[in-house]
Amino acid sequence: MKNLSYTNEALIDAFKNGDKEVYKYIYLTYYQDLCVYIKGYTNDKQAAEDIVQNVLLKLWENRDEIQIHSSFKGFLYKSVYYSFMDLYRKKKRINEKLESLRYNILNELIEDDNELKEKRLLALRKAIEELPTKCKEIFVLSKFEGLKYKEIADALGISINTVENQVGKAFKILRKKMFENKYLNLFINFFAGGKRV
């Protein structure tokens, strides 16, 4: 290897002229420090090494075109920093696009889900309205008003057994209608919790 006591100007000139010994000197002198510097931004040793290696390689490949108006060391540090920022911006744009895509898909799913739920609830309301009068009255008092079977029996002057039978009858009719409309899951979830006695 040649004399390693380079002035800044001599180092730049030798590098731009394709001096491989100078390139080797630069690599050995600055590589580790540059990696440590960029790792402070990436917090990823492998990513930092990849950035530094790519920068040093590209600088060598484009040595005829580069313009260095500061110290070579300062130029190297700025180069790896700009390279990191370019990758960061690209990654951020990709993440933003992915986040936007996820958001749009989620909105579509929510809209579809809400529309489906609305259809199911309308079907359930219609099925309840079509129950026999007494059956519907007892069912509504139990499941929508929250009354216990004894309270319903006392209010309507009937036996608890009659209340149980009417609620059971309502469930049987509604389950059949909701199953026919493929909305059985909603029916089961909507009225989960068992009977009130």
Protein backbone atom coordinates (compact mmCIF):
# COMPACT_ATOMS: atom_id res chain seq x y z
CA MET A 1 0.00 0.00 0.00
CA LYS A 2 1.21 3.51 -0.76
CA ASN A 3 2.08 6.17 1.76
CA LEU A 4 -1.04 6.70 3.82
CA SER A 5 -0.29 10.32 4.78
CA TYR A 6 -2.68 11.94 2.31
CA THR A 7 -3.73 15.54 2.32
CA ASN A 8 -7.43 16.04 1.68
CA GLU A 9 -6.78 17.27 -1.87
CA ALA A 10 -4.40 14.43 -2.66
CA LEU A 11 -6.87 11.88 -1.33
CA ILE A 12 -9.67 13.29 -3.47
CA ASP A 13 -7.52 13.48 -6.58
CA ALA A 14 -6.19 9.93 -6.16
CA PHE A 15 -9.68 8.60 -5.54
CA LYS A 16 -11.14 10.34 -8.59
CA ASN A 17 -8.26 9.07 -10.69
CA GLY A 18 -9.12 5.47 -9.77
CA ASP A 19 -6.29 4.69 -7.42
CA LYS A 20 -7.31 1.32 -5.93
CA GLU A 21 -4.81 1.59 -3.10
CA VAL A 22 -6.46 4.85 -2.03
CA TYR A 23 -9.89 3.23 -2.26
CA LYS A 24 -8.65 0.41 -0.05
CA TYR A 25 -7.24 2.96 2.39
CA ILE A 26 -10.57 4.82 2.50
CA TYR A 27 -12.46 1.57 3.06
CA LEU A 28 -10.22 0.42 5.89
CA THR A 29 -10.05 3.86 7.50
CA TYR A 30 -13.69 4.90 7.44
CA TYR A 31 -15.85 1.80 7.06
CA GLN A 32 -16.29 0.94 10.75
CA ASP A 33 -16.80 4.54 11.85
CA LEU A 34 -19.40 5.10 9.14
CA CYS A 35 -21.24 1.94 10.18
CA VAL A 36 -21.32 3.07 13.82
CA TYR A 37 -22.53 6.52 12.72
CA ILE A 38 -25.44 5.19 10.62
CA LYS A 39 -26.33 2.52 13.15
CA GLY A 40 -27.22 5.45 15.41
CA TYR A 41 -30.04 6.22 12.95
CA THR A 42 -31.09 2.73 11.87
CA ASN A 43 -30.55 0.90 15.18
CA ASP A 44 -29.82 -2.06 12.88
CA LYS A 45 -26.21 -3.23 12.43
CA GLN A 46 -26.85 -5.13 9.21
CA ALA A 47 -28.83 -2.26 7.65
CA ALA A 48 -26.05 0.17 8.59
CA GLU A 49 -23.39 -2.05 7.00
CA ASP A 50 -25.47 -2.42 3.83
CA ILE A 51 -25.86 1.36 3.53
CA VAL A 52 -22.15 2.04 4.02
CA GLN A 53 -21.09 -0.70 1.61
CA ASN A 54 -23.50 0.55 -1.07
CA VAL A 55 -22.34 4.13 -0.66
CA LEU A 56 -18.65 3.23 -0.89
CA LEU A 57 -19.30 1.07 -3.94
CA LYS A 58 -21.39 3.70 -5.73
CA LEU A 59 -18.84 6.41 -4.96
CA TRP A 60 -16.12 4.27 -6.54
CA GLU A 61 -18.26 3.45 -9.57
CA ASN A 62 -19.14 7.13 -10.07
CA ARG A 63 -15.83 8.62 -8.98
CA ASP A 64 -15.44 10.58 -12.25
CA GLU A 65 -18.69 12.45 -11.66
CA ILE A 66 -18.63 13.23 -7.96
CA GLN A 67 -17.97 16.77 -6.78
CA ILE A 68 -16.34 17.11 -3.39
CA HIS A 69 -16.21 20.63 -1.95
CA SER A 70 -15.39 19.71 1.63
CA SER A 71 -13.16 17.23 3.41
CA PHE A 72 -13.32 13.71 2.01
CA LYS A 73 -14.30 12.44 5.46
CA GLY A 74 -17.15 14.95 5.67
CA PHE A 75 -18.24 13.97 2.16
CA LEU A 76 -18.40 10.29 3.17
CA TYR A 77 -20.48 11.01 6.27
CA LYS A 78 -22.91 13.18 4.30
CA SER A 79 -23.17 10.51 1.60
CA VAL A 80 -24.12 7.72 3.99
CA TYR A 81 -26.56 10.04 5.78
CA TYR A 82 -28.29 11.01 2.52
CA SER A 83 -28.41 7.36 1.52
CA PHE A 84 -30.05 6.48 4.83
CA MET A 85 -32.60 9.31 4.39
CA ASP A 86 -33.44 8.13 0.85
CA LEU A 87 -34.08 4.61 2.13
CA TYR A 88 -36.07 5.97 5.08
CA ARG A 89 -38.27 8.07 2.81
CA LYS A 90 -38.86 5.15 0.44
CA LYS A 91 -39.71 2.86 3.35
CA LYS A 92 -41.99 5.53 4.83
CA ARG A 93 -43.79 5.96 1.49
CA ILE A 94 -44.24 2.20 1.21
CA ASN A 95 -45.50 2.02 4.80
CA GLU A 96 -47.86 4.93 4.18
CA LYS A 97 -49.21 3.21 1.05
CA LEU A 98 -49.65 -0.05 2.95
CA GLU A 99 -51.33 1.77 5.83
CA SER A 100 -53.63 3.55 3.38
CA LEU A 101 -54.46 0.24 1.71
CA ARG A 102 -55.16 -1.41 5.07
CA TYR A 103 -57.33 1.55 6.07
CA ASN A 104 -59.34 1.41 2.84
CA ILE A 105 -59.82 -2.35 3.11
CA LEU A 106 -60.88 -1.99 6.75
CA ASN A 107 -63.39 0.73 5.80
CA GLU A 108 -64.81 -1.48 3.08
CA LEU A 109 -65.11 -4.38 5.49
CA ILE A 110 -66.78 -2.17 8.10
CA GLU A 111 -69.20 -0.77 5.53
CA ASP A 112 -69.98 -4.24 4.21
CA ASP A 113 -70.31 -5.57 7.74
CA ASN A 114 -72.62 -2.75 8.79
CA GLU A 115 -74.76 -3.20 5.72
CA LEU A 116 -75.00 -6.93 6.38
CA LYS A 117 -75.83 -6.36 10.05
CA GLU A 118 -78.55 -3.90 9.08
CA LYS A 119 -80.08 -6.47 6.72
CA ARG A 120 -79.95 -9.12 9.42
CA LEU A 121 -81.53 -6.84 12.03
CA LEU A 122 -84.31 -5.89 9.62
CA ALA A 123 -84.96 -9.58 8.95
CA LEU A 124 -85.05 -10.24 12.70
CA ARG A 125 -87.44 -7.34 13.38
CA LYS A 126 -89.72 -8.56 10.59
CA ALA A 127 -89.69 -12.11 11.98
CA ILE A 128 -90.56 -10.82 15.47
CA GLU A 129 -93.43 -8.73 14.08
CA GLU A 130 -94.84 -11.86 12.42
CA LEU A 131 -94.99 -13.85 15.66
CA PRO A 132 -98.47 -14.69 17.01
CA THR A 133 -99.80 -11.77 19.10
CA LYS A 134 -99.56 -13.29 22.60
CA CYS A 135 -96.28 -15.02 21.76
CA LYS A 136 -94.79 -11.73 20.50
CA GLU A 137 -95.97 -9.81 23.57
CA ILE A 138 -94.34 -12.26 25.99
CA PHE A 139 -91.17 -12.51 23.92
CA VAL A 140 -90.76 -8.72 23.75
CA LEU A 141 -91.36 -8.33 27.49
CA SER A 142 -88.71 -10.99 28.17
CA LYS A 143 -86.01 -10.15 25.65
CA PHE A 144 -86.45 -6.42 25.06
CA GLU A 145 -87.98 -5.15 28.28
CA GLY A 146 -85.81 -7.42 30.41
CA LEU A 147 -88.59 -8.73 32.63
CA LYS A 148 -88.19 -12.04 34.44
CA TYR A 149 -90.62 -14.86 33.70
CA LYS A 150 -92.38 -14.39 37.07
CA GLU A 151 -92.81 -10.66 36.43
CA ILE A 152 -94.35 -11.36 33.03
CA ALA A 153 -96.64 -14.02 34.48
CA ASP A 154 -97.83 -11.64 37.23
CA ALA A 155 -98.33 -8.76 34.79
CA LEU A 156 -100.35 -10.81 32.31
CA GLY A 157 -102.15 -13.02 34.83
CA ILE A 158 -100.72 -16.25 33.41
CA SER A 159 -98.52 -19.02 34.77
CA ILE A 160 -94.74 -19.03 34.60
CA ASN A 161 -95.05 -22.29 32.63
CA THR A 162 -97.10 -20.47 29.98
CA VAL A 163 -94.44 -17.74 29.75
CA GLU A 164 -91.71 -20.33 29.29
CA ASN A 165 -93.71 -22.13 26.62
CA GLN A 166 -94.43 -18.92 24.69
CA VAL A 167 -90.81 -17.77 24.81
CA GLY A 168 -89.71 -21.22 23.67
CA LYS A 169 -92.27 -21.10 20.86
CA ALA A 170 -91.01 -17.66 19.77
CA PHE A 171 -87.40 -18.87 19.71
CA LYS A 172 -88.37 -21.88 17.64
CA ILE A 173 -90.20 -19.76 15.06
CA LEU A 174 -87.50 -17.09 14.90
CA ARG A 175 -84.67 -19.62 14.69
CA LYS A 176 -86.39 -21.28 11.74
CA LYS A 177 -86.98 -17.99 9.91
CA MET A 178 -83.46 -16.69 10.52
CA PHE A 179 -81.96 -20.00 9.44
CA GLU A 180 -83.95 -19.81 6.21
CA ASN A 181 -82.51 -16.33 5.65
CA LYS A 182 -79.00 -17.52 6.57
CA TYR A 183 -78.94 -15.12 9.54
CA LEU A 184 -78.93 -17.71 12.31
CA ASN A 185 -75.59 -16.54 13.77
CA LEU A 186 -76.96 -13.06 14.35
CA PHE A 187 -80.07 -14.50 15.99
CA ILE A 188 -77.98 -16.64 18.35
CA ASN A 189 -75.59 -13.76 19.19
CA PHE A 190 -78.37 -11.22 19.58
CA PHE A 191 -80.22 -13.22 22.17
CA ALA A 192 -77.26 -14.92 23.85
CA GLY A 193 -77.52 -14.99 27.61
CA GLY A 194 -80.26 -17.48 28.36
CA LYS A 195 -83.67 -17.11 29.89
CA ARG A 196 -84.67 -14.83 32.76
CA VAL A 197 -86.55 -16.67 35.47
